[in-house]
Structures are given as C-alpha cells and as structure tokens.
Amino acid sequence: MTCRPWLTPTLMTLAATLTLVALSGCATRNPSGAVQTSPEAAWQVFRQQYCTPSKKPGLLVKASLSYSRPKPIKRSNRTVISMWGNFSGPMRLDISAGIGKLLAHIREDTNGLLVFYPSDKVAYTHTNPVLGATRLGMPFPFSLNELANIVNGDFSGLVPNEYAEPGLQNSDFSYQFSNGLVSRLVLNETGRPILLEGRTTKAYETAQAWRLEINTYKEAVDKSAPLPEKLTLALDNGEKGVLRIKARELKVAPWPAKATDLKLPKNVKTIRLDNRHSPSRNQDMPVVYTD
C-alpha cells in the first residue's frame, strides 16, 4: 500500500477543521485597526471582530496546502483543496495533486467522517471526525467544520469565553486558558489573532502539542474584519502544513444535500476505524504521496 502525507497534512483538515456556536458577549464586527493599550482592550476587540458566527449558511473555499515532515522519512508535497458545505450541516473536502488528479474525497457530518481514496477503491469511516482523521495519518486538531469557521474569521468554537491569565509578548497580547482545546492565544496590538496553541489530548492516542499561526490576513472589501489568508499548523513531531486561501465565497442559500453528499462506487471496500480491530495510524495505512 502507498502512504499519504497530505493526509498527514496536518491541516487537511490543516485540516480545517477546523462545531462553532455563538458565544455570549460576541457583537457585530467593528474593525477599527486601532492599537490597543491593554490585554483586556485587545480581548474585547477580538471578541467583537472574531467571535461572530457567519450569518450566511455556508461557504466555498479554494486553497493550496503545502505539507512537510522530517521523519520517519523526510517528505514534502503540495496539494490543492476545495472545501464546501454548511456551517450547521455537512462539510466536504476534495484534495487534488497539482496536476489535477483527485487524491481523496472527504465528508464530515453528524455521523462522523467518511474518507474515500479513488485510486485505492477503499473508504474509511469513523464516528469521531478528528479521531478518524488521525487514524488515517491526518494529524490535525480540528474538525472540517471548525476549520471552515476559522477560515471565515470565527474563532468562537475554539477559544473559551474567558481567559485565565493575560500577559504581554513584545507588542502583542498573550492569554492562557485553563481548559478547552486552546491553551494559549496571542493577539496582535490591534486585537487580531495571530497564534493559537494547544494539545491534541482528545483526538490522539498519544497527545501532541500543536501550534496554529495566522501569518497573513486579507482585507475585506466591505470594511468588515480582515480574514485569514495564510495559516501554518505545526505539531511537536515536526509535521507542518501551510494553508493558503486562494478564493473564499459565502453562500446566500444553504448547499443542497446533493451537493454535499459523497456516494461511493459499488466496488469500493469500506473499513470502519472506530472498532478495536481497526488499524492505527502507525500501521501501513493507504495514503497518497504526490512528491
């Protein structure tokens, strides 16, 4: 069998990933770009600008994903992804090689994760989307739904309502959290999130630390809060994925069920990963290398 690092693309999910609900205290985005003078002031700007679930029902994202890992065998590749779906419903992700060959079809919904590799004619399922992805060698800490919200500038599903301890980091503001997926958040001087850190304790058989950097933002044409344009997700084992957003479109109507469905051909073998006999990500899983 072949192995598939994009799938370790850490971000395929980054990736994504990626489950977001409105949190109390979130208000309409009102970006001013003004420099904040205290951690609490920056926190309030963050809550106003980047804790607001979209009023639109769904989105479509086109992006490139560059992946690298140092061991056990040094690998790097670049893939193209299309992600689409509804914030309150199914989310789809297709991954292609640079030449356009489809490597994988992925669907996430309330029933869990479905991943189909057309070249292998095999599909995998798991009731837990994040854990299912890790079992396939895709070590990202978010669901596709969470990733979609992050790409759309909404961090309310990841960052707790209240911080435990604020601090300063050069000209930026740092916040520690006592519980939840995110243990640390860094905002720049204008209240824009630039770094999130945490551990994959709920998704991995062996917990790993992760670090999500929002390297660049794209200014919005309607003067709303700038949205993430380049994101880098790294794990403490050296794996790293860089997601570059090429196009982003919010939908005025929900995606129809047919558009987010993933029907498998009749000759496809389906393997469940959520039972005690299923293989782990350390075994020879069928993944695809594009380098």
C-alpha atoms as a PDB file:
ATOM      1  CA  MET A   1       0.000   0.000   0.000  1.00  0.00           C
ATOM      2  CA  THR A   2       1.063   3.575  -0.559  1.00  0.00           C
ATOM      3  CA  CYS A   3       1.214   6.191   2.159  1.00  0.00           C
ATOM      4  CA  ARG A   4      -0.422   9.696   2.024  1.00  0.00           C
ATOM      5  CA  PRO A   5       1.128  12.606   3.756  1.00  0.00           C
ATOM      6  CA  TRP A   6      -1.187  15.310   2.661  1.00  0.00           C
ATOM      7  CA  LEU A   7      -3.261  13.359   4.825  1.00  0.00           C
ATOM      8  CA  THR A   8      -0.878  13.953   7.380  1.00  0.00           C
ATOM      9  CA  PRO A   9      -1.362  17.374   6.120  1.00  0.00           C
ATOM     10  CA  THR A  10      -1.933  18.258   9.445  1.00  0.00           C
ATOM     11  CA  LEU A  11      -4.277  20.670   8.177  1.00  0.00           C
ATOM     12  CA  MET A  12      -6.383  18.843   5.961  1.00  0.00           C
ATOM     13  CA  THR A  13      -8.036  19.470   7.901  1.00  0.00           C
ATOM     14  CA  LEU A  14      -4.708  21.789   8.412  1.00  0.00           C
ATOM     15  CA  ALA A  15      -7.394  20.052   8.131  1.00  0.00           C
ATOM     16  CA  ALA A  16      -9.579  22.864   8.903  1.00  0.00           C
ATOM     17  CA  THR A  17     -11.374  21.819  10.796  1.00  0.00           C
ATOM     18  CA  LEU A  18     -11.493  23.022  11.559  1.00  0.00           C
ATOM     19  CA  THR A  19     -18.771  22.947  15.511  1.00  0.00           C
ATOM     20  CA  LEU A  20     -18.972  26.651  16.107  1.00  0.00           C
ATOM     21  CA  VAL A  21     -21.722  28.339  18.082  1.00  0.00           C
ATOM     22  CA  ALA A  22     -22.400  31.923  19.043  1.00  0.00           C
ATOM     23  CA  LEU A  23     -20.864  32.867  22.352  1.00  0.00           C
ATOM     24  CA  SER A  24     -22.210  35.383  24.781  1.00  0.00           C
ATOM     25  CA  GLY A  25     -20.525  38.737  24.501  1.00  0.00           C
ATOM     26  CA  CYS A  26     -19.882  38.483  20.756  1.00  0.00           C
ATOM     27  CA  ALA A  27     -21.045  41.545  18.868  1.00  0.00           C
ATOM     28  CA  THR A  28     -21.146  42.802  15.329  1.00  0.00           C
ATOM     29  CA  ARG A  29     -17.693  43.164  13.835  1.00  0.00           C
ATOM     30  CA  ASN A  30     -16.482  46.708  14.035  1.00  0.00           C
ATOM     31  CA  PRO A  31     -12.850  46.712  12.895  1.00  0.00           C
ATOM     32  CA  SER A  32     -11.050  49.932  13.665  1.00  0.00           C
ATOM     33  CA  GLY A  33      -7.425  48.823  13.275  1.00  0.00           C
ATOM     34  CA  ALA A  34      -6.637  50.932  16.328  1.00  0.00           C
ATOM     35  CA  VAL A  35      -3.708  49.953  18.537  1.00  0.00           C
ATOM     36  CA  GLN A  36      -4.921  48.614  21.880  1.00  0.00           C
ATOM     37  CA  THR A  37      -3.149  49.566  25.074  1.00  0.00           C
ATOM     38  CA  SER A  38      -4.100  46.675  27.390  1.00  0.00           C
ATOM     39  CA  PRO A  39      -4.777  42.930  27.216  1.00  0.00           C
ATOM     40  CA  GLU A  40      -8.414  43.450  28.199  1.00  0.00           C
ATOM     41  CA  ALA A  41      -8.985  46.058  25.473  1.00  0.00           C
ATOM     42  CA  ALA A  42      -7.417  43.804  22.844  1.00  0.00           C
ATOM     43  CA  TRP A  43      -9.517  40.881  24.118  1.00  0.00           C
ATOM     44  CA  GLN A  44     -12.731  42.857  23.710  1.00  0.00           C
ATOM     45  CA  VAL A  45     -11.798  43.785  20.130  1.00  0.00           C
ATOM     46  CA  PHE A  46     -11.055  40.125  19.407  1.00  0.00           C
ATOM     47  CA  ARG A  47     -14.420  39.088  20.850  1.00  0.00           C
ATOM     48  CA  GLN A  48     -16.226  41.677  18.745  1.00  0.00           C
ATOM     49  CA  GLN A  49     -14.413  41.032  15.491  1.00  0.00           C
ATOM     50  CA  TYR A  50     -13.537  37.324  15.591  1.00  0.00           C
ATOM     51  CA  CYS A  51     -16.220  35.674  17.748  1.00  0.00           C
ATOM     52  CA  THR A  52     -19.130  36.161  15.377  1.00  0.00           C
ATOM     53  CA  PRO A  53     -20.575  33.132  13.548  1.00  0.00           C
ATOM     54  CA  SER A  54     -21.439  33.892   9.959  1.00  0.00           C
ATOM     55  CA  LYS A  55     -24.975  34.958   9.141  1.00  0.00           C
ATOM     56  CA  LYS A  56     -24.594  33.172   5.805  1.00  0.00           C
ATOM     57  CA  PRO A  57     -25.424  29.434   5.824  1.00  0.00           C
ATOM     58  CA  GLY A  58     -22.383  28.033   4.012  1.00  0.00           C
ATOM     59  CA  LEU A  59     -19.160  28.666   2.144  1.00  0.00           C
ATOM     60  CA  LEU A  60     -16.842  27.550  -0.650  1.00  0.00           C
ATOM     61  CA  VAL A  61     -13.069  27.742  -0.249  1.00  0.00           C
ATOM     62  CA  LYS A  62     -10.270  27.095  -2.739  1.00  0.00           C
ATOM     63  CA  ALA A  63      -6.779  26.778  -1.284  1.00  0.00           C
ATOM     64  CA  SER A  64      -3.348  25.215  -1.618  1.00  0.00           C
ATOM     65  CA  LEU A  65      -1.806  23.060   1.083  1.00  0.00           C
ATOM     66  CA  SER A  66       1.953  22.570   1.448  1.00  0.00           C
ATOM     67  CA  TYR A  67       2.948  19.736   3.759  1.00  0.00           C
ATOM     68  CA  SER A  68       6.281  18.610   5.189  1.00  0.00           C
ATOM     69  CA  ARG A  69       7.559  16.174   7.781  1.00  0.00           C
ATOM     70  CA  PRO A  70      11.121  15.341   8.902  1.00  0.00           C
ATOM     71  CA  LYS A  71      10.620  11.666   9.879  1.00  0.00           C
ATOM     72  CA  PRO A  72      10.432   8.705   9.732  1.00  0.00           C
ATOM     73  CA  ILE A  73      11.134   9.555   6.072  1.00  0.00           C
ATOM     74  CA  LYS A  74      11.542  13.179   5.084  1.00  0.00           C
ATOM     75  CA  ARG A  75       8.590  14.182   2.887  1.00  0.00           C
ATOM     76  CA  SER A  76       7.092  17.303   1.385  1.00  0.00           C
ATOM     77  CA  ASN A  77       4.356  17.952  -1.126  1.00  0.00           C
ATOM     78  CA  ARG A  78       1.796  20.447  -2.321  1.00  0.00           C
ATOM     79  CA  THR A  79      -1.861  19.747  -2.936  1.00  0.00           C
ATOM     80  CA  VAL A  80      -4.909  21.754  -3.948  1.00  0.00           C
ATOM     81  CA  ILE A  81      -8.073  21.595  -1.873  1.00  0.00           C
ATOM     82  CA  SER A  82     -11.701  22.538  -2.327  1.00  0.00           C
ATOM     83  CA  MET A  83     -13.808  22.800   0.820  1.00  0.00           C
ATOM     84  CA  TRP A  84     -17.525  23.466   0.777  1.00  0.00           C
ATOM     85  CA  GLY A  85     -20.576  22.914   2.922  1.00  0.00           C
ATOM     86  CA  ASN A  86     -22.915  24.385   5.501  1.00  0.00           C
ATOM     87  CA  PHE A  87     -21.813  25.747   8.849  1.00  0.00           C
ATOM     88  CA  SER A  88     -24.661  23.860  10.531  1.00  0.00           C
ATOM     89  CA  GLY A  89     -24.537  20.805   8.288  1.00  0.00           C
ATOM     90  CA  PRO A  90     -22.288  18.525   6.236  1.00  0.00           C
ATOM     91  CA  MET A  91     -18.849  19.723   5.124  1.00  0.00           C
ATOM     92  CA  ARG A  92     -16.953  18.365   2.115  1.00  0.00           C
ATOM     93  CA  LEU A  93     -13.273  18.477   1.199  1.00  0.00           C
ATOM     94  CA  ASP A  94     -11.627  17.290  -2.017  1.00  0.00           C
ATOM     95  CA  ILE A  95      -7.843  17.016  -2.267  1.00  0.00           C
ATOM     96  CA  SER A  96      -6.058  17.007  -5.619  1.00  0.00           C
ATOM     97  CA  ALA A  97      -2.480  16.818  -6.840  1.00  0.00           C
ATOM     98  CA  GLY A  98      -1.096  19.892  -8.532  1.00  0.00           C
ATOM     99  CA  ILE A  99      -1.770  18.291 -11.930  1.00  0.00           C
ATOM    100  CA  GLY A 100      -5.457  17.953 -11.050  1.00  0.00           C
ATOM    101  CA  LYS A 101      -5.626  14.264 -10.144  1.00  0.00           C
ATOM    102  CA  LEU A 102      -8.100  13.710  -7.313  1.00  0.00           C
ATOM    103  CA  LEU A 103      -6.418  12.048  -4.339  1.00  0.00           C
ATOM    104  CA  ALA A 104      -9.226  11.924  -1.798  1.00  0.00           C
ATOM    105  CA  HIS A 105     -12.857  12.819  -1.184  1.00  0.00           C
ATOM    106  CA  ILE A 106     -13.816  13.626   2.398  1.00  0.00           C
ATOM    107  CA  ARG A 107     -17.187  14.213   4.024  1.00  0.00           C
ATOM    108  CA  GLU A 108     -17.947  15.206   7.594  1.00  0.00           C
ATOM    109  CA  ASP A 109     -21.385  15.311   9.198  1.00  0.00           C
ATOM    110  CA  THR A 110     -23.096  14.464  12.477  1.00  0.00           C
ATOM    111  CA  ASN A 111     -22.467  10.763  11.807  1.00  0.00           C
ATOM    112  CA  GLY A 112     -18.699  11.278  11.642  1.00  0.00           C
ATOM    113  CA  LEU A 113     -16.057  11.123   8.941  1.00  0.00           C
ATOM    114  CA  LEU A 114     -16.027   9.411   5.535  1.00  0.00           C
ATOM    115  CA  VAL A 115     -12.782   9.377   3.509  1.00  0.00           C
ATOM    116  CA  PHE A 116     -12.679   7.839   0.034  1.00  0.00           C
ATOM    117  CA  TYR A 117      -9.456   7.203  -1.903  1.00  0.00           C
ATOM    118  CA  PRO A 118     -10.472   6.660  -5.547  1.00  0.00           C
ATOM    119  CA  SER A 119      -7.107   5.240  -6.678  1.00  0.00           C
ATOM    120  CA  ASP A 120      -7.250   2.535  -3.979  1.00  0.00           C
ATOM    121  CA  LYS A 121     -11.010   2.000  -4.254  1.00  0.00           C
ATOM    122  CA  VAL A 122     -11.256   1.990  -0.469  1.00  0.00           C
ATOM    123  CA  ALA A 123     -13.147   4.177   2.008  1.00  0.00           C
ATOM    124  CA  TYR A 124     -12.770   4.669   5.761  1.00  0.00           C
ATOM    125  CA  THR A 125     -15.330   5.804   8.322  1.00  0.00           C
ATOM    126  CA  HIS A 126     -15.209   6.908  11.960  1.00  0.00           C
ATOM    127  CA  THR A 127     -17.869   8.345  14.251  1.00  0.00           C
ATOM    128  CA  ASN A 128     -15.389  10.954  15.550  1.00  0.00           C
ATOM    129  CA  PRO A 129     -14.182  13.152  12.656  1.00  0.00           C
ATOM    130  CA  VAL A 130     -10.968  14.297  14.351  1.00  0.00           C
ATOM    131  CA  LEU A 131     -10.012  10.902  15.728  1.00  0.00           C
ATOM    132  CA  GLY A 132     -10.890   9.259  12.419  1.00  0.00           C
ATOM    133  CA  ALA A 133      -8.565  11.633  10.600  1.00  0.00           C
ATOM    134  CA  THR A 134      -5.701  10.900  12.984  1.00  0.00           C
ATOM    135  CA  ARG A 135      -6.164   7.155  12.472  1.00  0.00           C
ATOM    136  CA  LEU A 136      -5.606   7.788   8.755  1.00  0.00           C
ATOM    137  CA  GLY A 137      -2.421   9.738   9.348  1.00  0.00           C
ATOM    138  CA  MET A 138      -4.017  13.195   9.214  1.00  0.00           C
ATOM    139  CA  PRO A 139      -2.872  14.766  12.488  1.00  0.00           C
ATOM    140  CA  PHE A 140      -4.900  17.953  12.652  1.00  0.00           C
ATOM    141  CA  PRO A 141      -6.685  19.020  15.846  1.00  0.00           C
ATOM    142  CA  PHE A 142      -9.830  20.476  14.240  1.00  0.00           C
ATOM    143  CA  SER A 143     -12.896  19.156  12.510  1.00  0.00           C
ATOM    144  CA  LEU A 144     -13.625  20.398   8.977  1.00  0.00           C
ATOM    145  CA  ASN A 145     -16.436  22.482  10.405  1.00  0.00           C
ATOM    146  CA  GLU A 146     -14.055  24.203  12.806  1.00  0.00           C
ATOM    147  CA  LEU A 147     -11.535  24.784  10.031  1.00  0.00           C
ATOM    148  CA  ALA A 148     -14.247  26.326   7.844  1.00  0.00           C
ATOM    149  CA  ASN A 149     -15.162  28.748  10.617  1.00  0.00           C
ATOM    150  CA  ILE A 150     -11.531  29.682  11.240  1.00  0.00           C
ATOM    151  CA  VAL A 151     -11.045  30.401   7.546  1.00  0.00           C
ATOM    152  CA  ASN A 152     -14.136  32.605   7.779  1.00  0.00           C
ATOM    153  CA  GLY A 153     -12.680  34.515  10.726  1.00  0.00           C
ATOM    154  CA  ASP A 154     -14.745  32.964  13.525  1.00  0.00           C
ATOM    155  CA  PHE A 155     -12.728  31.543  16.450  1.00  0.00           C
ATOM    156  CA  SER A 156     -15.624  31.291  18.907  1.00  0.00           C
ATOM    157  CA  GLY A 157     -15.748  27.489  18.695  1.00  0.00           C
ATOM    158  CA  LEU A 158     -12.117  27.110  19.755  1.00  0.00           C
ATOM    159  CA  VAL A 159     -11.316  29.920  22.180  1.00  0.00           C
ATOM    160  CA  PRO A 160     -13.018  29.856  25.613  1.00  0.00           C
ATOM    161  CA  ASN A 161     -15.280  32.708  26.717  1.00  0.00           C
ATOM    162  CA  GLU A 162     -12.866  33.838  29.403  1.00  0.00           C
ATOM    163  CA  TYR A 163      -9.111  33.750  29.790  1.00  0.00           C
ATOM    164  CA  ALA A 164      -7.377  32.615  32.964  1.00  0.00           C
ATOM    165  CA  GLU A 165      -4.318  34.824  32.741  1.00  0.00           C
ATOM    166  CA  PRO A 166      -3.313  37.685  30.395  1.00  0.00           C
ATOM    167  CA  GLY A 167       0.195  38.806  29.592  1.00  0.00           C
ATOM    168  CA  LEU A 168       2.402  40.712  27.191  1.00  0.00           C
ATOM    169  CA  GLN A 169       4.602  39.299  24.413  1.00  0.00           C
ATOM    170  CA  ASN A 170       6.650  42.111  22.969  1.00  0.00           C
ATOM    171  CA  SER A 171       3.994  44.395  21.429  1.00  0.00           C
ATOM    172  CA  ASP A 172       1.385  41.606  21.364  1.00  0.00           C
ATOM    173  CA  PHE A 173      -1.014  40.280  23.998  1.00  0.00           C
ATOM    174  CA  SER A 174      -0.963  36.691  25.293  1.00  0.00           C
ATOM    175  CA  TYR A 175      -3.782  34.799  27.046  1.00  0.00           C
ATOM    176  CA  GLN A 176      -3.675  31.489  28.915  1.00  0.00           C
ATOM    177  CA  PHE A 177      -6.726  29.223  29.278  1.00  0.00           C
ATOM    178  CA  SER A 178      -7.322  26.615  31.962  1.00  0.00           C
ATOM    179  CA  ASN A 179      -9.486  24.277  29.865  1.00  0.00           C
ATOM    180  CA  GLY A 180     -10.533  23.551  26.303  1.00  0.00           C
ATOM    181  CA  LEU A 181      -8.682  22.688  23.098  1.00  0.00           C
ATOM    182  CA  VAL A 182      -6.765  26.001  23.042  1.00  0.00           C
ATOM    183  CA  SER A 183      -4.364  26.597  25.936  1.00  0.00           C
ATOM    184  CA  ARG A 184      -2.829  29.853  24.680  1.00  0.00           C
ATOM    185  CA  LEU A 185      -3.876  32.678  22.347  1.00  0.00           C
ATOM    186  CA  VAL A 186      -1.796  35.578  21.082  1.00  0.00           C
ATOM    187  CA  LEU A 187      -3.408  38.733  19.678  1.00  0.00           C
ATOM    188  CA  ASN A 188      -1.515  41.466  17.901  1.00  0.00           C
ATOM    189  CA  GLU A 189      -1.706  45.066  19.034  1.00  0.00           C
ATOM    190  CA  THR A 190      -4.976  45.610  17.137  1.00  0.00           C
ATOM    191  CA  GLY A 191      -6.706  42.568  18.655  1.00  0.00           C
ATOM    192  CA  ARG A 192      -6.239  40.277  15.662  1.00  0.00           C
ATOM    193  CA  PRO A 193      -5.473  36.566  16.449  1.00  0.00           C
ATOM    194  CA  ILE A 194      -2.028  35.555  15.223  1.00  0.00           C
ATOM    195  CA  LEU A 195      -1.265  32.394  17.243  1.00  0.00           C
ATOM    196  CA  LEU A 196      -3.177  29.580  18.932  1.00  0.00           C
ATOM    197  CA  GLU A 197      -1.564  26.706  20.842  1.00  0.00           C
ATOM    198  CA  GLY A 198      -2.946  23.562  22.413  1.00  0.00           C
ATOM    199  CA  ARG A 199      -2.673  19.802  22.768  1.00  0.00           C
ATOM    200  CA  THR A 200      -4.451  17.013  20.926  1.00  0.00           C
ATOM    201  CA  THR A 201      -5.452  15.169  24.097  1.00  0.00           C
ATOM    202  CA  LYS A 202      -8.991  14.391  22.919  1.00  0.00           C
ATOM    203  CA  ALA A 203      -8.043  13.161  19.464  1.00  0.00           C
ATOM    204  CA  TYR A 204      -4.779  11.293  19.758  1.00  0.00           C
ATOM    205  CA  GLU A 205      -3.814   8.040  21.381  1.00  0.00           C
ATOM    206  CA  THR A 206      -0.614   9.915  22.268  1.00  0.00           C
ATOM    207  CA  ALA A 207      -1.183  13.621  22.860  1.00  0.00           C
ATOM    208  CA  GLN A 208       0.810  16.082  20.803  1.00  0.00           C
ATOM    209  CA  ALA A 209       1.255  19.811  21.088  1.00  0.00           C
ATOM    210  CA  TRP A 210       0.074  21.882  18.125  1.00  0.00           C
ATOM    211  CA  ARG A 211       0.634  25.456  17.064  1.00  0.00           C
ATOM    212  CA  LEU A 212      -1.566  27.386  14.613  1.00  0.00           C
ATOM    213  CA  GLU A 213      -0.173  30.637  13.233  1.00  0.00           C
ATOM    214  CA  ILE A 214      -2.296  33.037  11.198  1.00  0.00           C
ATOM    215  CA  ASN A 215       0.541  34.508   9.175  1.00  0.00           C
ATOM    216  CA  THR A 216      -1.361  36.924   6.940  1.00  0.00           C
ATOM    217  CA  TYR A 217      -4.839  38.402   6.636  1.00  0.00           C
ATOM    218  CA  LYS A 218      -6.751  39.661   3.620  1.00  0.00           C
ATOM    219  CA  GLU A 219      -8.511  42.984   3.971  1.00  0.00           C
ATOM    220  CA  ALA A 220     -12.245  42.715   3.340  1.00  0.00           C
ATOM    221  CA  VAL A 221     -13.805  44.848   0.605  1.00  0.00           C
ATOM    222  CA  ASP A 222     -16.811  45.717   2.801  1.00  0.00           C
ATOM    223  CA  LYS A 223     -14.639  47.035   5.650  1.00  0.00           C
ATOM    224  CA  SER A 224     -15.503  44.097   7.910  1.00  0.00           C
ATOM    225  CA  ALA A 225     -12.790  42.324   9.876  1.00  0.00           C
ATOM    226  CA  PRO A 226      -9.853  41.053   7.751  1.00  0.00           C
ATOM    227  CA  LEU A 227      -9.954  37.288   7.182  1.00  0.00           C
ATOM    228  CA  PRO A 228      -7.131  34.718   7.481  1.00  0.00           C
ATOM    229  CA  GLU A 229      -5.234  34.284   4.208  1.00  0.00           C
ATOM    230  CA  LYS A 230      -2.226  32.145   5.174  1.00  0.00           C
ATOM    231  CA  LEU A 231      -2.250  29.686   8.081  1.00  0.00           C
ATOM    232  CA  THR A 232       0.519  27.408   9.347  1.00  0.00           C
ATOM    233  CA  LEU A 233      -0.240  24.421  11.559  1.00  0.00           C
ATOM    234  CA  ALA A 234       2.705  22.618  13.171  1.00  0.00           C
ATOM    235  CA  LEU A 235       2.928  19.627  15.513  1.00  0.00           C
ATOM    236  CA  ASP A 236       5.669  18.949  18.019  1.00  0.00           C
ATOM    237  CA  ASN A 237       6.843  15.944  15.968  1.00  0.00           C
ATOM    238  CA  GLY A 238       7.952  18.279  13.170  1.00  0.00           C
ATOM    239  CA  GLU A 239       4.976  17.867  10.839  1.00  0.00           C
ATOM    240  CA  LYS A 240       3.832  21.136   9.301  1.00  0.00           C
ATOM    241  CA  GLY A 241       1.113  22.217   6.902  1.00  0.00           C
ATOM    242  CA  VAL A 242       0.752  25.643   5.288  1.00  0.00           C
ATOM    243  CA  LEU A 243      -2.712  26.572   4.002  1.00  0.00           C
ATOM    244  CA  ARG A 244      -3.006  29.460   1.545  1.00  0.00           C
ATOM    245  CA  ILE A 245      -6.519  30.665   0.776  1.00  0.00           C
ATOM    246  CA  LYS A 246      -6.956  31.402  -2.927  1.00  0.00           C
ATOM    247  CA  ALA A 247     -10.706  32.089  -3.035  1.00  0.00           C
ATOM    248  CA  ARG A 248     -13.483  32.278  -0.433  1.00  0.00           C
ATOM    249  CA  GLU A 249     -17.196  32.647  -1.084  1.00  0.00           C
ATOM    250  CA  LEU A 250     -20.054  32.816   1.407  1.00  0.00           C
ATOM    251  CA  LYS A 251     -23.298  31.331   0.109  1.00  0.00           C
ATOM    252  CA  VAL A 252     -26.607  33.166   0.361  1.00  0.00           C
ATOM    253  CA  ALA A 253     -28.506  29.851   0.444  1.00  0.00           C
ATOM    254  CA  PRO A 254     -27.577  26.519   2.047  1.00  0.00           C
ATOM    255  CA  TRP A 255     -25.857  23.905  -0.064  1.00  0.00           C
ATOM    256  CA  PRO A 256     -28.415  21.312  -1.165  1.00  0.00           C
ATOM    257  CA  ALA A 257     -27.997  17.781   0.170  1.00  0.00           C
ATOM    258  CA  LYS A 258     -26.931  16.504  -3.246  1.00  0.00           C
ATOM    259  CA  ALA A 259     -24.011  18.967  -3.374  1.00  0.00           C
ATOM    260  CA  THR A 260     -22.521  17.791  -0.069  1.00  0.00           C
ATOM    261  CA  ASP A 261     -23.248  14.083  -0.486  1.00  0.00           C
ATOM    262  CA  LEU A 262     -20.485  11.550  -1.120  1.00  0.00           C
ATOM    263  CA  LYS A 263     -21.719   8.428  -2.888  1.00  0.00           C
ATOM    264  CA  LEU A 264     -19.291   5.532  -3.130  1.00  0.00           C
ATOM    265  CA  PRO A 265     -18.978   3.320  -6.231  1.00  0.00           C
ATOM    266  CA  LYS A 266     -20.305  -0.216  -5.839  1.00  0.00           C
ATOM    267  CA  ASN A 267     -16.867  -1.856  -5.908  1.00  0.00           C
ATOM    268  CA  VAL A 268     -15.441   0.228  -3.034  1.00  0.00           C
ATOM    269  CA  LYS A 269     -14.380  -1.531   0.169  1.00  0.00           C
ATOM    270  CA  THR A 270     -15.435   0.316   3.329  1.00  0.00           C
ATOM    271  CA  ILE A 271     -13.424  -0.068   6.540  1.00  0.00           C
ATOM    272  CA  ARG A 272     -14.592   1.168   9.938  1.00  0.00           C
ATOM    273  CA  LEU A 273     -11.902   2.740  12.082  1.00  0.00           C
ATOM    274  CA  ASP A 274     -13.931   3.022  15.292  1.00  0.00           C
ATOM    275  CA  ASN A 275     -13.678  -0.555  16.496  1.00  0.00           C
ATOM    276  CA  ARG A 276     -10.983  -2.394  18.395  1.00  0.00           C
ATOM    277  CA  HIS A 277      -9.867  -4.338  15.321  1.00  0.00           C
ATOM    278  CA  SER A 278      -9.290  -1.258  13.168  1.00  0.00           C
ATOM    279  CA  PRO A 279      -5.723  -0.277  12.185  1.00  0.00           C
ATOM    280  CA  SER A 280      -3.989   2.635  13.862  1.00  0.00           C
ATOM    281  CA  ARG A 281      -2.207   5.493  12.141  1.00  0.00           C
ATOM    282  CA  ASN A 282       1.132   3.802  12.956  1.00  0.00           C
ATOM    283  CA  GLN A 283       0.303   0.876  10.697  1.00  0.00           C
ATOM    284  CA  ASP A 284       0.554   0.754   6.915  1.00  0.00           C
ATOM    285  CA  MET A 285      -2.445   2.904   6.061  1.00  0.00           C
ATOM    286  CA  PRO A 286      -3.265   3.543   2.411  1.00  0.00           C
ATOM    287  CA  VAL A 287      -2.266   7.118   1.837  1.00  0.00           C
ATOM    288  CA  VAL A 288      -1.039   9.089  -1.176  1.00  0.00           C
ATOM    289  CA  TYR A 289       2.287  10.800  -1.739  1.00  0.00           C
ATOM    290  CA  THR A 290       2.442  13.360  -4.508  1.00  0.00           C
ATOM    291  CA  ASP A 291       6.135  14.137  -4.431  1.00  0.00           C
END
